[in-house]
Full PDB file with SEQRES, HELIX, SHEET, SSBOND, CRYST1, ORIGX, SCALE, CONECT and MASTER records, all heavy atoms in Angstrom:
SEQRES   1 A   39  LEU GLY GLU LEU GLY VAL THR HIS VAL VAL VAL ASP ALA          
SEQRES   2 A   39  ARG HIS MET PRO GLU ALA ALA VAL ASN ARG VAL ALA GLY          
SEQRES   3 A   39  TYR PRO GLN LEU GLN LEU MET PHE THR ASP GLY TRP LEU          
HELIX    1 AA1 ALA A   13  HIS A   15  5                                   3    
HELIX    2 AA2 GLU A   18  ARG A   23  1                                   6    
HELIX    3 AA3 VAL A   24  GLY A   26  5                                   3    
CRYST1    1.000    1.000    1.000  90.00  90.00  90.00 P 1           1          
ORIGX1      1.000000  0.000000  0.000000        0.00000                         
ORIGX2      0.000000  1.000000  0.000000        0.00000                         
ORIGX3      0.000000  0.000000  1.000000        0.00000                         
SCALE1      1.000000  0.000000  0.000000        0.00000                         
SCALE2      0.000000  1.000000  0.000000        0.00000                         
SCALE3      0.000000  0.000000  1.000000        0.00000                         
ATOM      1  N   LEU A   1      75.088  63.940 206.693  1.00  0.00           N  
ATOM      2  CA  LEU A   1      76.277  64.789 206.633  1.00  0.00           C  
ATOM      3  C   LEU A   1      76.428  65.582 207.934  1.00  0.00           C  
ATOM      4  O   LEU A   1      77.537  65.745 208.441  1.00  0.00           O  
ATOM      5  CB  LEU A   1      76.214  65.727 205.420  1.00  0.00           C  
ATOM      6  CG  LEU A   1      76.294  65.057 204.051  1.00  0.00           C  
ATOM      7  CD1 LEU A   1      76.181  66.093 202.954  1.00  0.00           C  
ATOM      8  CD2 LEU A   1      77.562  64.221 203.901  1.00  0.00           C  
ATOM      9  N   GLY A   2      75.297  66.046 208.460  1.00  0.00           N  
ATOM     10  CA  GLY A   2      75.329  66.752 209.745  1.00  0.00           C  
ATOM     11  C   GLY A   2      75.800  65.853 210.880  1.00  0.00           C  
ATOM     12  O   GLY A   2      76.606  66.263 211.710  1.00  0.00           O  
ATOM     13  N   GLU A   3      75.325  64.599 210.895  1.00  0.00           N  
ATOM     14  CA  GLU A   3      75.744  63.640 211.918  1.00  0.00           C  
ATOM     15  C   GLU A   3      77.238  63.368 211.857  1.00  0.00           C  
ATOM     16  O   GLU A   3      77.898  63.175 212.875  1.00  0.00           O  
ATOM     17  CB  GLU A   3      74.994  62.321 211.750  1.00  0.00           C  
ATOM     18  CG  GLU A   3      73.521  62.373 212.044  1.00  0.00           C  
ATOM     19  CD  GLU A   3      72.798  61.102 211.605  1.00  0.00           C  
ATOM     20  OE1 GLU A   3      73.476  60.091 211.304  1.00  0.00           O  
ATOM     21  OE2 GLU A   3      71.557  61.133 211.556  1.00  0.00           O  
ATOM     22  N   LEU A   4      77.776  63.350 210.640  1.00  0.00           N  
ATOM     23  CA  LEU A   4      79.199  63.051 210.440  1.00  0.00           C  
ATOM     24  C   LEU A   4      80.081  64.275 210.711  1.00  0.00           C  
ATOM     25  O   LEU A   4      81.300  64.151 210.711  1.00  0.00           O  
ATOM     26  CB  LEU A   4      79.438  62.548 209.010  1.00  0.00           C  
ATOM     27  CG  LEU A   4      78.808  61.208 208.664  1.00  0.00           C  
ATOM     28  CD1 LEU A   4      78.917  60.924 207.166  1.00  0.00           C  
ATOM     29  CD2 LEU A   4      79.479  60.081 209.467  1.00  0.00           C  
ATOM     30  N   GLY A   5      79.472  65.446 210.886  1.00  0.00           N  
ATOM     31  CA  GLY A   5      80.250  66.640 211.129  1.00  0.00           C  
ATOM     32  C   GLY A   5      80.876  67.235 209.881  1.00  0.00           C  
ATOM     33  O   GLY A   5      81.843  67.985 209.962  1.00  0.00           O  
ATOM     34  N   VAL A   6      80.314  66.894 208.735  1.00  0.00           N  
ATOM     35  CA  VAL A   6      80.855  67.375 207.457  1.00  0.00           C  
ATOM     36  C   VAL A   6      80.683  68.883 207.361  1.00  0.00           C  
ATOM     37  O   VAL A   6      79.609  69.416 207.641  1.00  0.00           O  
ATOM     38  CB  VAL A   6      80.168  66.664 206.272  1.00  0.00           C  
ATOM     39  CG1 VAL A   6      80.552  67.298 204.936  1.00  0.00           C  
ATOM     40  CG2 VAL A   6      80.519  65.179 206.282  1.00  0.00           C  
ATOM     41  N   THR A   7      81.754  69.574 206.963  1.00  0.00           N  
ATOM     42  CA  THR A   7      81.715  71.024 206.808  1.00  0.00           C  
ATOM     43  C   THR A   7      81.815  71.463 205.350  1.00  0.00           C  
ATOM     44  O   THR A   7      81.455  72.570 205.015  1.00  0.00           O  
ATOM     45  CB  THR A   7      82.866  71.691 207.589  1.00  0.00           C  
ATOM     46  OG1 THR A   7      84.116  71.182 207.103  1.00  0.00           O  
ATOM     47  CG2 THR A   7      82.732  71.420 209.092  1.00  0.00           C  
ATOM     48  N   HIS A   8      82.350  70.563 204.483  1.00  0.00           N  
ATOM     49  CA  HIS A   8      82.522  70.891 203.071  1.00  0.00           C  
ATOM     50  C   HIS A   8      82.197  69.679 202.217  1.00  0.00           C  
ATOM     51  O   HIS A   8      82.518  68.544 202.580  1.00  0.00           O  
ATOM     52  CB  HIS A   8      83.961  71.351 202.802  1.00  0.00           C  
ATOM     53  CG  HIS A   8      84.287  72.653 203.467  1.00  0.00           C  
ATOM     54  ND1 HIS A   8      84.635  72.727 204.797  1.00  0.00           N  
ATOM     55  CD2 HIS A   8      84.289  73.921 202.985  1.00  0.00           C  
ATOM     56  CE1 HIS A   8      84.841  73.988 205.109  1.00  0.00           C  
ATOM     57  NE2 HIS A   8      84.644  74.727 204.042  1.00  0.00           N  
ATOM     58  N   VAL A   9      81.564  69.966 201.073  1.00  0.00           N  
ATOM     59  CA  VAL A   9      81.165  68.911 200.150  1.00  0.00           C  
ATOM     60  C   VAL A   9      81.779  69.209 198.780  1.00  0.00           C  
ATOM     61  O   VAL A   9      81.607  70.311 198.249  1.00  0.00           O  
ATOM     62  CB  VAL A   9      79.629  68.832 200.019  1.00  0.00           C  
ATOM     63  CG1 VAL A   9      79.219  67.728 199.040  1.00  0.00           C  
ATOM     64  CG2 VAL A   9      78.981  68.611 201.379  1.00  0.00           C  
ATOM     65  N   VAL A  10      82.489  68.225 198.237  1.00  0.00           N  
ATOM     66  CA  VAL A  10      83.006  68.317 196.874  1.00  0.00           C  
ATOM     67  C   VAL A  10      82.053  67.529 195.994  1.00  0.00           C  
ATOM     68  O   VAL A  10      81.797  66.358 196.243  1.00  0.00           O  
ATOM     69  CB  VAL A  10      84.433  67.734 196.768  1.00  0.00           C  
ATOM     70  CG1 VAL A  10      84.912  67.754 195.321  1.00  0.00           C  
ATOM     71  CG2 VAL A  10      85.400  68.502 197.665  1.00  0.00           C  
ATOM     72  N   VAL A  11      81.519  68.188 194.975  1.00  0.00           N  
ATOM     73  CA  VAL A  11      80.584  67.534 194.056  1.00  0.00           C  
ATOM     74  C   VAL A  11      81.292  67.361 192.715  1.00  0.00           C  
ATOM     75  O   VAL A  11      81.744  68.343 192.123  1.00  0.00           O  
ATOM     76  CB  VAL A  11      79.289  68.358 193.891  1.00  0.00           C  
ATOM     77  CG1 VAL A  11      78.413  67.765 192.804  1.00  0.00           C  
ATOM     78  CG2 VAL A  11      78.537  68.420 195.215  1.00  0.00           C  
ATOM     79  N   ASP A  12      81.384  66.129 192.270  1.00  0.00           N  
ATOM     80  CA  ASP A  12      81.943  65.835 190.935  1.00  0.00           C  
ATOM     81  C   ASP A  12      80.763  65.629 190.000  1.00  0.00           C  
ATOM     82  O   ASP A  12      80.187  64.536 189.936  1.00  0.00           O  
ATOM     83  CB  ASP A  12      82.817  64.588 191.007  1.00  0.00           C  
ATOM     84  CG  ASP A  12      83.558  64.338 189.699  1.00  0.00           C  
ATOM     85  OD1 ASP A  12      83.191  64.935 188.655  1.00  0.00           O  
ATOM     86  OD2 ASP A  12      84.506  63.531 189.705  1.00  0.00           O  
ATOM     87  N   ALA A  13      80.408  66.677 189.287  1.00  0.00           N  
ATOM     88  CA  ALA A  13      79.207  66.656 188.438  1.00  0.00           C  
ATOM     89  C   ALA A  13      79.322  65.679 187.283  1.00  0.00           C  
ATOM     90  O   ALA A  13      78.307  65.280 186.714  1.00  0.00           O  
ATOM     91  CB  ALA A  13      78.930  68.070 187.912  1.00  0.00           C  
ATOM     92  N   ARG A  14      80.535  65.261 186.912  1.00  0.00           N  
ATOM     93  CA  ARG A  14      80.686  64.278 185.830  1.00  0.00           C  
ATOM     94  C   ARG A  14      80.078  62.945 186.189  1.00  0.00           C  
ATOM     95  O   ARG A  14      79.615  62.214 185.324  1.00  0.00           O  
ATOM     96  CB  ARG A  14      82.170  64.026 185.521  1.00  0.00           C  
ATOM     97  CG  ARG A  14      82.885  65.117 184.840  1.00  0.00           C  
ATOM     98  CD  ARG A  14      84.333  64.748 184.759  1.00  0.00           C  
ATOM     99  NE  ARG A  14      84.848  64.602 186.135  1.00  0.00           N  
ATOM    100  CZ  ARG A  14      86.108  64.429 186.437  1.00  0.00           C  
ATOM    101  NH1 ARG A  14      86.995  64.339 185.479  1.00  0.00           N  
ATOM    102  NH2 ARG A  14      86.490  64.342 187.688  1.00  0.00           N  
ATOM    103  N   HIS A  15      80.125  62.610 187.476  1.00  0.00           N  
ATOM    104  CA  HIS A  15      79.722  61.276 187.897  1.00  0.00           C  
ATOM    105  C   HIS A  15      78.409  61.235 188.679  1.00  0.00           C  
ATOM    106  O   HIS A  15      78.122  60.242 189.324  1.00  0.00           O  
ATOM    107  CB  HIS A  15      80.851  60.660 188.732  1.00  0.00           C  
ATOM    108  CG  HIS A  15      82.122  60.527 187.957  1.00  0.00           C  
ATOM    109  ND1 HIS A  15      83.277  61.155 188.319  1.00  0.00           N  
ATOM    110  CD2 HIS A  15      82.399  59.884 186.790  1.00  0.00           C  
ATOM    111  CE1 HIS A  15      84.211  60.884 187.445  1.00  0.00           C  
ATOM    112  NE2 HIS A  15      83.709  60.112 186.506  1.00  0.00           N  
ATOM    113  N   MET A  16      77.665  62.340 188.596  1.00  0.00           N  
ATOM    114  CA  MET A  16      76.354  62.379 189.253  1.00  0.00           C  
ATOM    115  C   MET A  16      75.292  62.659 188.204  1.00  0.00           C  
ATOM    116  O   MET A  16      75.555  63.343 187.220  1.00  0.00           O  
ATOM    117  CB  MET A  16      76.320  63.489 190.309  1.00  0.00           C  
ATOM    118  CG  MET A  16      77.111  63.160 191.549  1.00  0.00           C  
ATOM    119  SD  MET A  16      77.010  64.458 192.798  1.00  0.00           S  
ATOM    120  CE  MET A  16      75.274  64.442 193.197  1.00  0.00           C  
ATOM    121  N   PRO A  17      74.089  62.155 188.422  1.00  0.00           N  
ATOM    122  CA  PRO A  17      73.003  62.490 187.495  1.00  0.00           C  
ATOM    123  C   PRO A  17      72.780  64.000 187.489  1.00  0.00           C  
ATOM    124  O   PRO A  17      72.894  64.682 188.517  1.00  0.00           O  
ATOM    125  CB  PRO A  17      71.793  61.765 188.072  1.00  0.00           C  
ATOM    126  CG  PRO A  17      72.349  60.721 188.982  1.00  0.00           C  
ATOM    127  CD  PRO A  17      73.660  61.238 189.457  1.00  0.00           C  
ATOM    128  N   GLU A  18      72.478  64.534 186.320  1.00  0.00           N  
ATOM    129  CA  GLU A  18      72.287  65.978 186.179  1.00  0.00           C  
ATOM    130  C   GLU A  18      71.186  66.492 187.121  1.00  0.00           C  
ATOM    131  O   GLU A  18      71.292  67.570 187.688  1.00  0.00           O  
ATOM    132  CB  GLU A  18      71.950  66.334 184.731  1.00  0.00           C  
ATOM    133  CG  GLU A  18      71.919  67.816 184.475  1.00  0.00           C  
ATOM    134  CD  GLU A  18      71.698  68.137 183.000  1.00  0.00           C  
ATOM    135  OE1 GLU A  18      71.868  67.249 182.147  1.00  0.00           O  
ATOM    136  OE2 GLU A  18      71.359  69.295 182.728  1.00  0.00           O  
ATOM    137  N   ALA A  19      70.128  65.700 187.272  1.00  0.00           N  
ATOM    138  CA  ALA A  19      69.030  66.101 188.158  1.00  0.00           C  
ATOM    139  C   ALA A  19      69.532  66.280 189.602  1.00  0.00           C  
ATOM    140  O   ALA A  19      69.129  67.216 190.290  1.00  0.00           O  
ATOM    141  CB  ALA A  19      67.908  65.083 188.106  1.00  0.00           C  
ATOM    142  N   ALA A  20      70.416  65.395 190.058  1.00  0.00           N  
ATOM    143  CA  ALA A  20      70.962  65.493 191.415  1.00  0.00           C  
ATOM    144  C   ALA A  20      71.837  66.742 191.545  1.00  0.00           C  
ATOM    145  O   ALA A  20      71.764  67.457 192.547  1.00  0.00           O  
ATOM    146  CB  ALA A  20      71.766  64.248 191.764  1.00  0.00           C  
ATOM    147  N   VAL A  21      72.643  67.017 190.544  1.00  0.00           N  
ATOM    148  CA  VAL A  21      73.495  68.208 190.563  1.00  0.00           C  
ATOM    149  C   VAL A  21      72.621  69.462 190.618  1.00  0.00           C  
ATOM    150  O   VAL A  21      72.919  70.403 191.359  1.00  0.00           O  
ATOM    151  CB  VAL A  21      74.440  68.223 189.344  1.00  0.00           C  
ATOM    152  CG1 VAL A  21      75.200  69.544 189.272  1.00  0.00           C  
ATOM    153  CG2 VAL A  21      75.397  67.038 189.384  1.00  0.00           C  
ATOM    154  N   ASN A  22      71.533  69.471 189.872  1.00  0.00           N  
ATOM    155  CA  ASN A  22      70.638  70.633 189.858  1.00  0.00           C  
ATOM    156  C   ASN A  22      69.896  70.797 191.186  1.00  0.00           C  
ATOM    157  O   ASN A  22      69.562  71.909 191.568  1.00  0.00           O  
ATOM    158  CB  ASN A  22      69.629  70.531 188.703  1.00  0.00           C  
ATOM    159  CG  ASN A  22      70.322  70.650 187.359  1.00  0.00           C  
ATOM    160  OD1 ASN A  22      71.401  71.228 187.236  1.00  0.00           O  
ATOM    161  ND2 ASN A  22      69.704  70.073 186.329  1.00  0.00           N  
ATOM    162  N   ARG A  23      69.636  69.697 191.900  1.00  0.00           N  
ATOM    163  CA  ARG A  23      68.941  69.777 193.189  1.00  0.00           C  
ATOM    164  C   ARG A  23      69.780  70.413 194.291  1.00  0.00           C  
ATOM    165  O   ARG A  23      69.251  70.883 195.283  1.00  0.00           O  
ATOM    166  CB  ARG A  23      68.528  68.372 193.653  1.00  0.00           C  
ATOM    167  CG  ARG A  23      67.265  67.845 193.010  1.00  0.00           C  
ATOM    168  CD  ARG A  23      66.671  66.662 193.760  1.00  0.00           C  
ATOM    169  NE  ARG A  23      67.616  65.698 194.292  1.00  0.00           N  
ATOM    170  CZ  ARG A  23      68.005  64.580 193.679  1.00  0.00           C  
ATOM    171  NH1 ARG A  23      67.521  64.299 192.476  1.00  0.00           N  
ATOM    172  NH2 ARG A  23      68.854  63.752 194.238  1.00  0.00           N  
ATOM    173  N   VAL A  24      71.090  70.463 194.101  1.00  0.00           N  
ATOM    174  CA  VAL A  24      71.969  71.053 195.115  1.00  0.00           C  
ATOM    175  C   VAL A  24      71.549  72.494 195.396  1.00  0.00           C  
ATOM    176  O   VAL A  24      71.565  72.937 196.553  1.00  0.00           O  
ATOM    177  CB  VAL A  24      73.452  70.980 194.678  1.00  0.00           C  
ATOM    178  CG1 VAL A  24      74.333  71.789 195.604  1.00  0.00           C  
ATOM    179  CG2 VAL A  24      73.915  69.529 194.625  1.00  0.00           C  
ATOM    180  N   ALA A  25      71.142  73.225 194.370  1.00  0.00           N  
ATOM    181  CA  ALA A  25      70.729  74.620 194.551  1.00  0.00           C  
ATOM    182  C   ALA A  25      69.519  74.760 195.470  1.00  0.00           C  
ATOM    183  O   ALA A  25      69.289  75.818 196.052  1.00  0.00           O  
ATOM    184  CB  ALA A  25      70.432  75.258 193.200  1.00  0.00           C  
ATOM    185  N   GLY A  26      68.735  73.712 195.618  1.00  0.00           N  
ATOM    186  CA  GLY A  26      67.547  73.754 196.468  1.00  0.00           C  
ATOM    187  C   GLY A  26      67.851  73.584 197.948  1.00  0.00           C  
ATOM    188  O   GLY A  26      66.938  73.603 198.767  1.00  0.00           O  
ATOM    189  N   TYR A  27      69.093  73.443 198.314  1.00  0.00           N  
ATOM    190  CA  TYR A  27      69.486  73.281 199.709  1.00  0.00           C  
ATOM    191  C   TYR A  27      70.308  74.481 200.143  1.00  0.00           C  
ATOM    192  O   TYR A  27      71.496  74.583 199.830  1.00  0.00           O  
ATOM    193  CB  TYR A  27      70.264  71.980 199.916  1.00  0.00           C  
ATOM    194  CG  TYR A  27      69.341  70.794 199.866  1.00  0.00           C  
ATOM    195  CD1 TYR A  27      68.977  70.199 198.660  1.00  0.00           C  
ATOM    196  CD2 TYR A  27      68.768  70.308 201.038  1.00  0.00           C  
ATOM    197  CE1 TYR A  27      68.093  69.152 198.618  1.00  0.00           C  
ATOM    198  CE2 TYR A  27      67.887  69.244 201.016  1.00  0.00           C  
ATOM    199  CZ  TYR A  27      67.540  68.681 199.796  1.00  0.00           C  
ATOM    200  OH  TYR A  27      66.652  67.651 199.771  1.00  0.00           O  
ATOM    201  N   PRO A  28      69.669  75.419 200.853  1.00  0.00           N  
ATOM    202  CA  PRO A  28      70.355  76.672 201.224  1.00  0.00           C  
ATOM    203  C   PRO A  28      71.553  76.461 202.143  1.00  0.00           C  
ATOM    204  O   PRO A  28      72.412  77.326 202.227  1.00  0.00           O  
ATOM    205  CB  PRO A  28      69.260  77.487 201.914  1.00  0.00           C  
ATOM    206  CG  PRO A  28      68.223  76.512 202.309  1.00  0.00           C  
ATOM    207  CD  PRO A  28      68.307  75.375 201.349  1.00  0.00           C  
ATOM    208  N   GLN A  29      71.650  75.310 202.826  1.00  0.00           N  
ATOM    209  CA  GLN A  29      72.803  75.092 203.681  1.00  0.00           C  
ATOM    210  C   GLN A  29      74.064  74.745 202.879  1.00  0.00           C  
ATOM    211  O   GLN A  29      75.153  74.733 203.433  1.00  0.00           O  
ATOM    212  CB  GLN A  29      72.515  74.039 204.748  1.00  0.00           C  
ATOM    213  CG  GLN A  29      72.210  72.655 204.265  1.00  0.00           C  
ATOM    214  CD  GLN A  29      70.729  72.396 204.074  1.00  0.00           C  
ATOM    215  OE1 GLN A  29      70.050  73.154 203.401  1.00  0.00           O  
ATOM    216  NE2 GLN A  29      70.244  71.325 204.656  1.00  0.00           N  
ATOM    217  N   LEU A  30      73.905  74.496 201.572  1.00  0.00           N  
ATOM    218  CA  LEU A  30      75.056  74.259 200.701  1.00  0.00           C  
ATOM    219  C   LEU A  30      75.372  75.558 199.960  1.00  0.00           C  
ATOM    220  O   LEU A  30      74.611  76.012 199.115  1.00  0.00           O  
ATOM    221  CB  LEU A  30      74.755  73.148 199.692  1.00  0.00           C  
ATOM    222  CG  LEU A  30      74.665  71.738 200.252  1.00  0.00           C  
ATOM    223  CD1 LEU A  30      74.114  70.769 199.211  1.00  0.00           C  
ATOM    224  CD2 LEU A  30      76.028  71.267 200.747  1.00  0.00           C  
ATOM    225  N   GLN A  31      76.509  76.167 200.299  1.00  0.00           N  
ATOM    226  CA  GLN A  31      76.919  77.426 199.685  1.00  0.00           C  
ATOM    227  C   GLN A  31      78.107  77.176 198.777  1.00  0.00           C  
ATOM    228  O   GLN A  31      79.160  76.683 199.222  1.00  0.00           O  
ATOM    229  CB  GLN A  31      77.315  78.440 200.780  1.00  0.00           C  
ATOM    230  CG  GLN A  31      76.188  78.803 201.724  1.00  0.00           C  
ATOM    231  CD  GLN A  31      75.062  79.525 200.989  1.00  0.00           C  
ATOM    232  OE1 GLN A  31      75.313  80.433 200.204  1.00  0.00           O  
ATOM    233  NE2 GLN A  31      73.835  79.117 201.245  1.00  0.00           N  
ATOM    234  N   LEU A  32      77.960  77.511 197.485  1.00  0.00           N  
ATOM    235  CA  LEU A  32      79.039  77.308 196.528  1.00  0.00           C  
ATOM    236  C   LEU A  32      80.233  78.186 196.897  1.00  0.00           C  
ATOM    237  O   LEU A  32      80.109  79.393 197.059  1.00  0.00           O  
ATOM    238  CB  LEU A  32      78.551  77.638 195.110  1.00  0.00           C  
ATOM    239  CG  LEU A  32      79.547  77.392 193.991  1.00  0.00           C  
ATOM    240  CD1 LEU A  32      79.903  75.915 193.880  1.00  0.00           C  
ATOM    241  CD2 LEU A  32      78.983  77.904 192.662  1.00  0.00           C  
ATOM    242  N   MET A  33      81.410  77.565 197.000  1.00  0.00           N  
ATOM    243  CA  MET A  33      82.636  78.290 197.334  1.00  0.00           C  
ATOM    244  C   MET A  33      83.573  78.418 196.146  1.00  0.00           C  
ATOM    245  O   MET A  33      84.248  79.433 195.982  1.00  0.00           O  
ATOM    246  CB  MET A  33      83.424  77.557 198.447  1.00  0.00           C  
ATOM    247  CG  MET A  33      82.818  77.595 199.803  1.00  0.00           C  
ATOM    248  SD  MET A  33      83.845  76.672 200.998  1.00  0.00           S  
ATOM    249  CE  MET A  33      85.365  77.603 200.995  1.00  0.00           C  
ATOM    250  N   PHE A  34      83.645  77.351 195.327  1.00  0.00           N  
ATOM    251  CA  PHE A  34      84.649  77.320 194.258  1.00  0.00           C  
ATOM    252  C   PHE A  34      84.196  76.324 193.199  1.00  0.00           C  
ATOM    253  O   PHE A  34      83.611  75.302 193.510  1.00  0.00           O  
ATOM    254  CB  PHE A  34      86.003  76.888 194.841  1.00  0.00           C  
ATOM    255  CG  PHE A  34      87.161  77.049 193.899  1.00  0.00           C  
ATOM    256  CD1 PHE A  34      87.794  78.280 193.760  1.00  0.00           C  
ATOM    257  CD2 PHE A  34      87.616  75.985 193.155  1.00  0.00           C  
ATOM    258  CE1 PHE A  34      88.859  78.432 192.905  1.00  0.00           C  
ATOM    259  CE2 PHE A  34      88.693  76.120 192.289  1.00  0.00           C  
ATOM    260  CZ  PHE A  34      89.316  77.361 192.167  1.00  0.00           C  
ATOM    261  N   THR A  35      84.492  76.633 191.953  1.00  0.00           N  
ATOM    262  CA  THR A  35      84.215  75.736 190.839  1.00  0.00           C  
ATOM    263  C   THR A  35      85.464  75.576 190.002  1.00  0.00           C  
ATOM    264  O   THR A  35      86.162  76.547 189.730  1.00  0.00           O  
ATOM    265  CB  THR A  35      83.083  76.305 189.953  1.00  0.00           C  
ATOM    266  OG1 THR A  35      81.916  76.501 190.745  1.00  0.00           O  
ATOM    267  CG2 THR A  35      82.748  75.372 188.821  1.00  0.00           C  
ATOM    268  N   ASP A  36      85.751  74.339 189.625  1.00  0.00           N  
ATOM    269  CA  ASP A  36      86.880  74.057 188.739  1.00  0.00           C  
ATOM    270  C   ASP A  36      86.411  73.002 187.741  1.00  0.00           C  
ATOM    271  O   ASP A  36      86.525  71.810 187.988  1.00  0.00           O  
ATOM    272  CB  ASP A  36      88.081  73.575 189.521  1.00  0.00           C  
ATOM    273  CG  ASP A  36      89.320  73.413 188.647  1.00  0.00           C  
ATOM    274  OD1 ASP A  36      89.312  73.864 187.491  1.00  0.00           O  
ATOM    275  OD2 ASP A  36      90.318  72.829 189.127  1.00  0.00           O  
ATOM    276  N   GLY A  37      85.861  73.454 186.640  1.00  0.00           N  
ATOM    277  CA  GLY A  37      85.321  72.527 185.650  1.00  0.00           C  
ATOM    278  C   GLY A  37      84.127  71.777 186.215  1.00  0.00           C  
ATOM    279  O   GLY A  37      83.163  72.371 186.665  1.00  0.00           O  
ATOM    280  N   TRP A  38      84.224  70.454 186.253  1.00  0.00           N  
ATOM    281  CA  TRP A  38      83.143  69.608 186.760  1.00  0.00           C  
ATOM    282  C   TRP A  38      83.110  69.562 188.278  1.00  0.00           C  
ATOM    283  O   TRP A  38      82.121  69.153 188.872  1.00  0.00           O  
ATOM    284  CB  TRP A  38      83.311  68.189 186.232  1.00  0.00           C  
ATOM    285  CG  TRP A  38      83.099  68.056 184.777  1.00  0.00           C  
ATOM    286  CD1 TRP A  38      84.070  68.024 183.814  1.00  0.00           C  
ATOM    287  CD2 TRP A  38      81.858  67.954 184.090  1.00  0.00           C  
ATOM    288  NE1 TRP A  38      83.507  67.889 182.576  1.00  0.00           N  
ATOM    289  CE2 TRP A  38      82.141  67.846 182.710  1.00  0.00           C  
ATOM    290  CE3 TRP A  38      80.536  67.940 184.498  1.00  0.00           C  
ATOM    291  CZ2 TRP A  38      81.156  67.721 181.762  1.00  0.00           C  
ATOM    292  CZ3 TRP A  38      79.548  67.803 183.531  1.00  0.00           C  
ATOM    293  CH2 TRP A  38      79.861  67.699 182.187  1.00  0.00           C  
ATOM    294  N   LEU A  39      84.182  69.960 188.918  1.00  0.00           N  
ATOM    295  CA  LEU A  39      84.249  69.903 190.383  1.00  0.00           C  
ATOM    296  C   LEU A  39      83.705  71.181 190.997  1.00  0.00           C  
ATOM    297  O   LEU A  39      84.030  72.288 190.552  1.00  0.00           O  
ATOM    298  CB  LEU A  39      85.695  69.693 190.842  1.00  0.00           C  
ATOM    299  CG  LEU A  39      86.307  68.336 190.558  1.00  0.00           C  
ATOM    300  CD1 LEU A  39      87.765  68.322 190.977  1.00  0.00           C  
ATOM    301  CD2 LEU A  39      85.540  67.239 191.279  1.00  0.00           C  
TER     302      LEU A  39                                                      
MASTER        0    0    0    3    0    0    0    6  301    1    0    3          
END                                                                             
C-alpha cells in the first residue's frame, strides 16, 4: 500500500474474515476515520 501511494483504505467487513478485520487495530498507521455499517 505504501509503494502504491495509498492514503485511504476502505474496509468492507462483510466480505473479509473477522480475524482480518480485527487485525486492522494492530496497525497504528491505519486510523479509523468513518464507519457506516459494515464499511
